[in-house]
Amino acid sequence: MLFAIHYLEKNTSVLSQCLQRIPQVNEDLKIKGRKGKVVDVIQIEDNKYHVHVVLEKINKKQPLLVDDKKKKR
């Protein structure tokens, strides 16, 4: 039997999948290349589940300093 699993982070839909297994609370997972952890699993209907996750923060890299020697004249 397949279950419709909707992954949510702060009430924002991150991913929807059809799976044969329902994720468990405190289970580690990876969504779109980001590590996360299942916080809560709520059954909406017979085969629909909302899974609340906490994903790690995205670190935006700072741009490298521009070399001033190559300025236009």
C-alpha atoms as a PDB file:
ATOM      1  CA  MET A   1       0.000   0.000   0.000  1.00  0.00           C
ATOM      2  CA  LEU A   2       1.290   3.483  -0.873  1.00  0.00           C
ATOM      3  CA  PHE A   3       1.023   6.498   1.409  1.00  0.00           C
ATOM      4  CA  ALA A   4       0.994  10.161   0.315  1.00  0.00           C
ATOM      5  CA  ILE A   5       3.659  11.839   2.454  1.00  0.00           C
ATOM      6  CA  HIS A   6       3.831  15.649   2.547  1.00  0.00           C
ATOM      7  CA  TYR A   7       6.999  17.039   4.168  1.00  0.00           C
ATOM      8  CA  LEU A   8       6.479  20.444   5.798  1.00  0.00           C
ATOM      9  CA  GLU A   9       8.931  22.912   7.319  1.00  0.00           C
ATOM     10  CA  LYS A  10       7.276  25.748   9.247  1.00  0.00           C
ATOM     11  CA  ASN A  11       3.969  25.130   7.397  1.00  0.00           C
ATOM     12  CA  THR A  12       5.762  25.381   4.037  1.00  0.00           C
ATOM     13  CA  SER A  13       5.582  22.362   1.769  1.00  0.00           C
ATOM     14  CA  VAL A  14       9.087  21.079   1.034  1.00  0.00           C
ATOM     15  CA  LEU A  15       8.380  17.775  -0.719  1.00  0.00           C
ATOM     16  CA  SER A  16       5.504  15.396  -1.501  1.00  0.00           C
ATOM     17  CA  GLN A  17       6.122  11.714  -2.125  1.00  0.00           C
ATOM     18  CA  CYS A  18       4.295   8.414  -2.422  1.00  0.00           C
ATOM     19  CA  LEU A  19       6.049   5.949  -0.120  1.00  0.00           C
ATOM     20  CA  GLN A  20       5.423   2.446   1.154  1.00  0.00           C
ATOM     21  CA  ARG A  21       6.777   3.322   4.611  1.00  0.00           C
ATOM     22  CA  ILE A  22       5.800   6.192   6.909  1.00  0.00           C
ATOM     23  CA  PRO A  23       8.772   8.101   8.435  1.00  0.00           C
ATOM     24  CA  GLN A  24       9.199   7.822  12.206  1.00  0.00           C
ATOM     25  CA  VAL A  25       9.714  10.673  14.707  1.00  0.00           C
ATOM     26  CA  ASN A  26      13.421  11.545  15.278  1.00  0.00           C
ATOM     27  CA  GLU A  27      14.391   9.828  12.014  1.00  0.00           C
ATOM     28  CA  ASP A  28      17.222  11.442  10.054  1.00  0.00           C
ATOM     29  CA  LEU A  29      16.535  12.153   6.395  1.00  0.00           C
ATOM     30  CA  LYS A  30      17.863  14.120   3.448  1.00  0.00           C
ATOM     31  CA  ILE A  31      15.572  16.334   1.331  1.00  0.00           C
ATOM     32  CA  LYS A  32      16.904  18.234  -1.671  1.00  0.00           C
ATOM     33  CA  GLY A  33      20.484  17.797  -0.459  1.00  0.00           C
ATOM     34  CA  ARG A  34      19.750  19.162   3.012  1.00  0.00           C
ATOM     35  CA  LYS A  35      19.957  17.061   6.161  1.00  0.00           C
ATOM     36  CA  GLY A  36      16.932  17.092   8.393  1.00  0.00           C
ATOM     37  CA  LYS A  37      15.117  15.409  11.247  1.00  0.00           C
ATOM     38  CA  VAL A  38      11.465  14.374  11.575  1.00  0.00           C
ATOM     39  CA  VAL A  39       9.751  16.285  14.392  1.00  0.00           C
ATOM     40  CA  ASP A  40       6.113  15.186  14.063  1.00  0.00           C
ATOM     41  CA  VAL A  41       3.939  12.873  11.938  1.00  0.00           C
ATOM     42  CA  ILE A  42       0.215  13.632  11.581  1.00  0.00           C
ATOM     43  CA  GLN A  43      -2.301  11.389   9.801  1.00  0.00           C
ATOM     44  CA  ILE A  44      -4.690  13.521   7.738  1.00  0.00           C
ATOM     45  CA  GLU A  45      -6.738  10.816   5.993  1.00  0.00           C
ATOM     46  CA  ASP A  46      -6.554   7.071   5.538  1.00  0.00           C
ATOM     47  CA  ASN A  47      -3.355   7.223   3.454  1.00  0.00           C
ATOM     48  CA  LYS A  48      -2.299  10.916   3.707  1.00  0.00           C
ATOM     49  CA  TYR A  49       0.311  12.075   6.215  1.00  0.00           C
ATOM     50  CA  HIS A  50       1.905  15.414   7.074  1.00  0.00           C
ATOM     51  CA  VAL A  51       5.492  15.053   8.267  1.00  0.00           C
ATOM     52  CA  HIS A  52       6.948  18.098  10.021  1.00  0.00           C
ATOM     53  CA  VAL A  53      10.720  18.347   9.603  1.00  0.00           C
ATOM     54  CA  VAL A  54      13.525  20.641  10.731  1.00  0.00           C
ATOM     55  CA  LEU A  55      16.162  21.141   8.032  1.00  0.00           C
ATOM     56  CA  GLU A  56      19.671  22.490   8.581  1.00  0.00           C
ATOM     57  CA  LYS A  57      20.338  26.098   7.665  1.00  0.00           C
ATOM     58  CA  ILE A  58      21.768  27.007   4.265  1.00  0.00           C
ATOM     59  CA  ASN A  59      25.084  28.826   4.651  1.00  0.00           C
ATOM     60  CA  LYS A  60      25.456  31.451   1.956  1.00  0.00           C
ATOM     61  CA  LYS A  61      29.097  31.913   1.050  1.00  0.00           C
ATOM     62  CA  GLN A  62      30.523  35.421   1.117  1.00  0.00           C
ATOM     63  CA  PRO A  63      31.890  36.628  -2.229  1.00  0.00           C
ATOM     64  CA  LEU A  64      35.662  36.790  -2.464  1.00  0.00           C
ATOM     65  CA  LEU A  65      37.250  40.209  -2.236  1.00  0.00           C
ATOM     66  CA  VAL A  66      37.705  41.795  -5.653  1.00  0.00           C
ATOM     67  CA  ASP A  67      41.285  42.612  -6.616  1.00  0.00           C
ATOM     68  CA  ASP A  68      41.525  46.429  -6.958  1.00  0.00           C
ATOM     69  CA  LYS A  69      44.619  46.235  -9.208  1.00  0.00           C
ATOM     70  CA  LYS A  70      42.480  45.419 -12.231  1.00  0.00           C
ATOM     71  CA  LYS A  71      40.302  48.523 -12.191  1.00  0.00           C
ATOM     72  CA  LYS A  72      39.188  50.112 -15.433  1.00  0.00           C
ATOM     73  CA  ARG A  73      40.883  53.378 -16.294  1.00  0.00           C
END
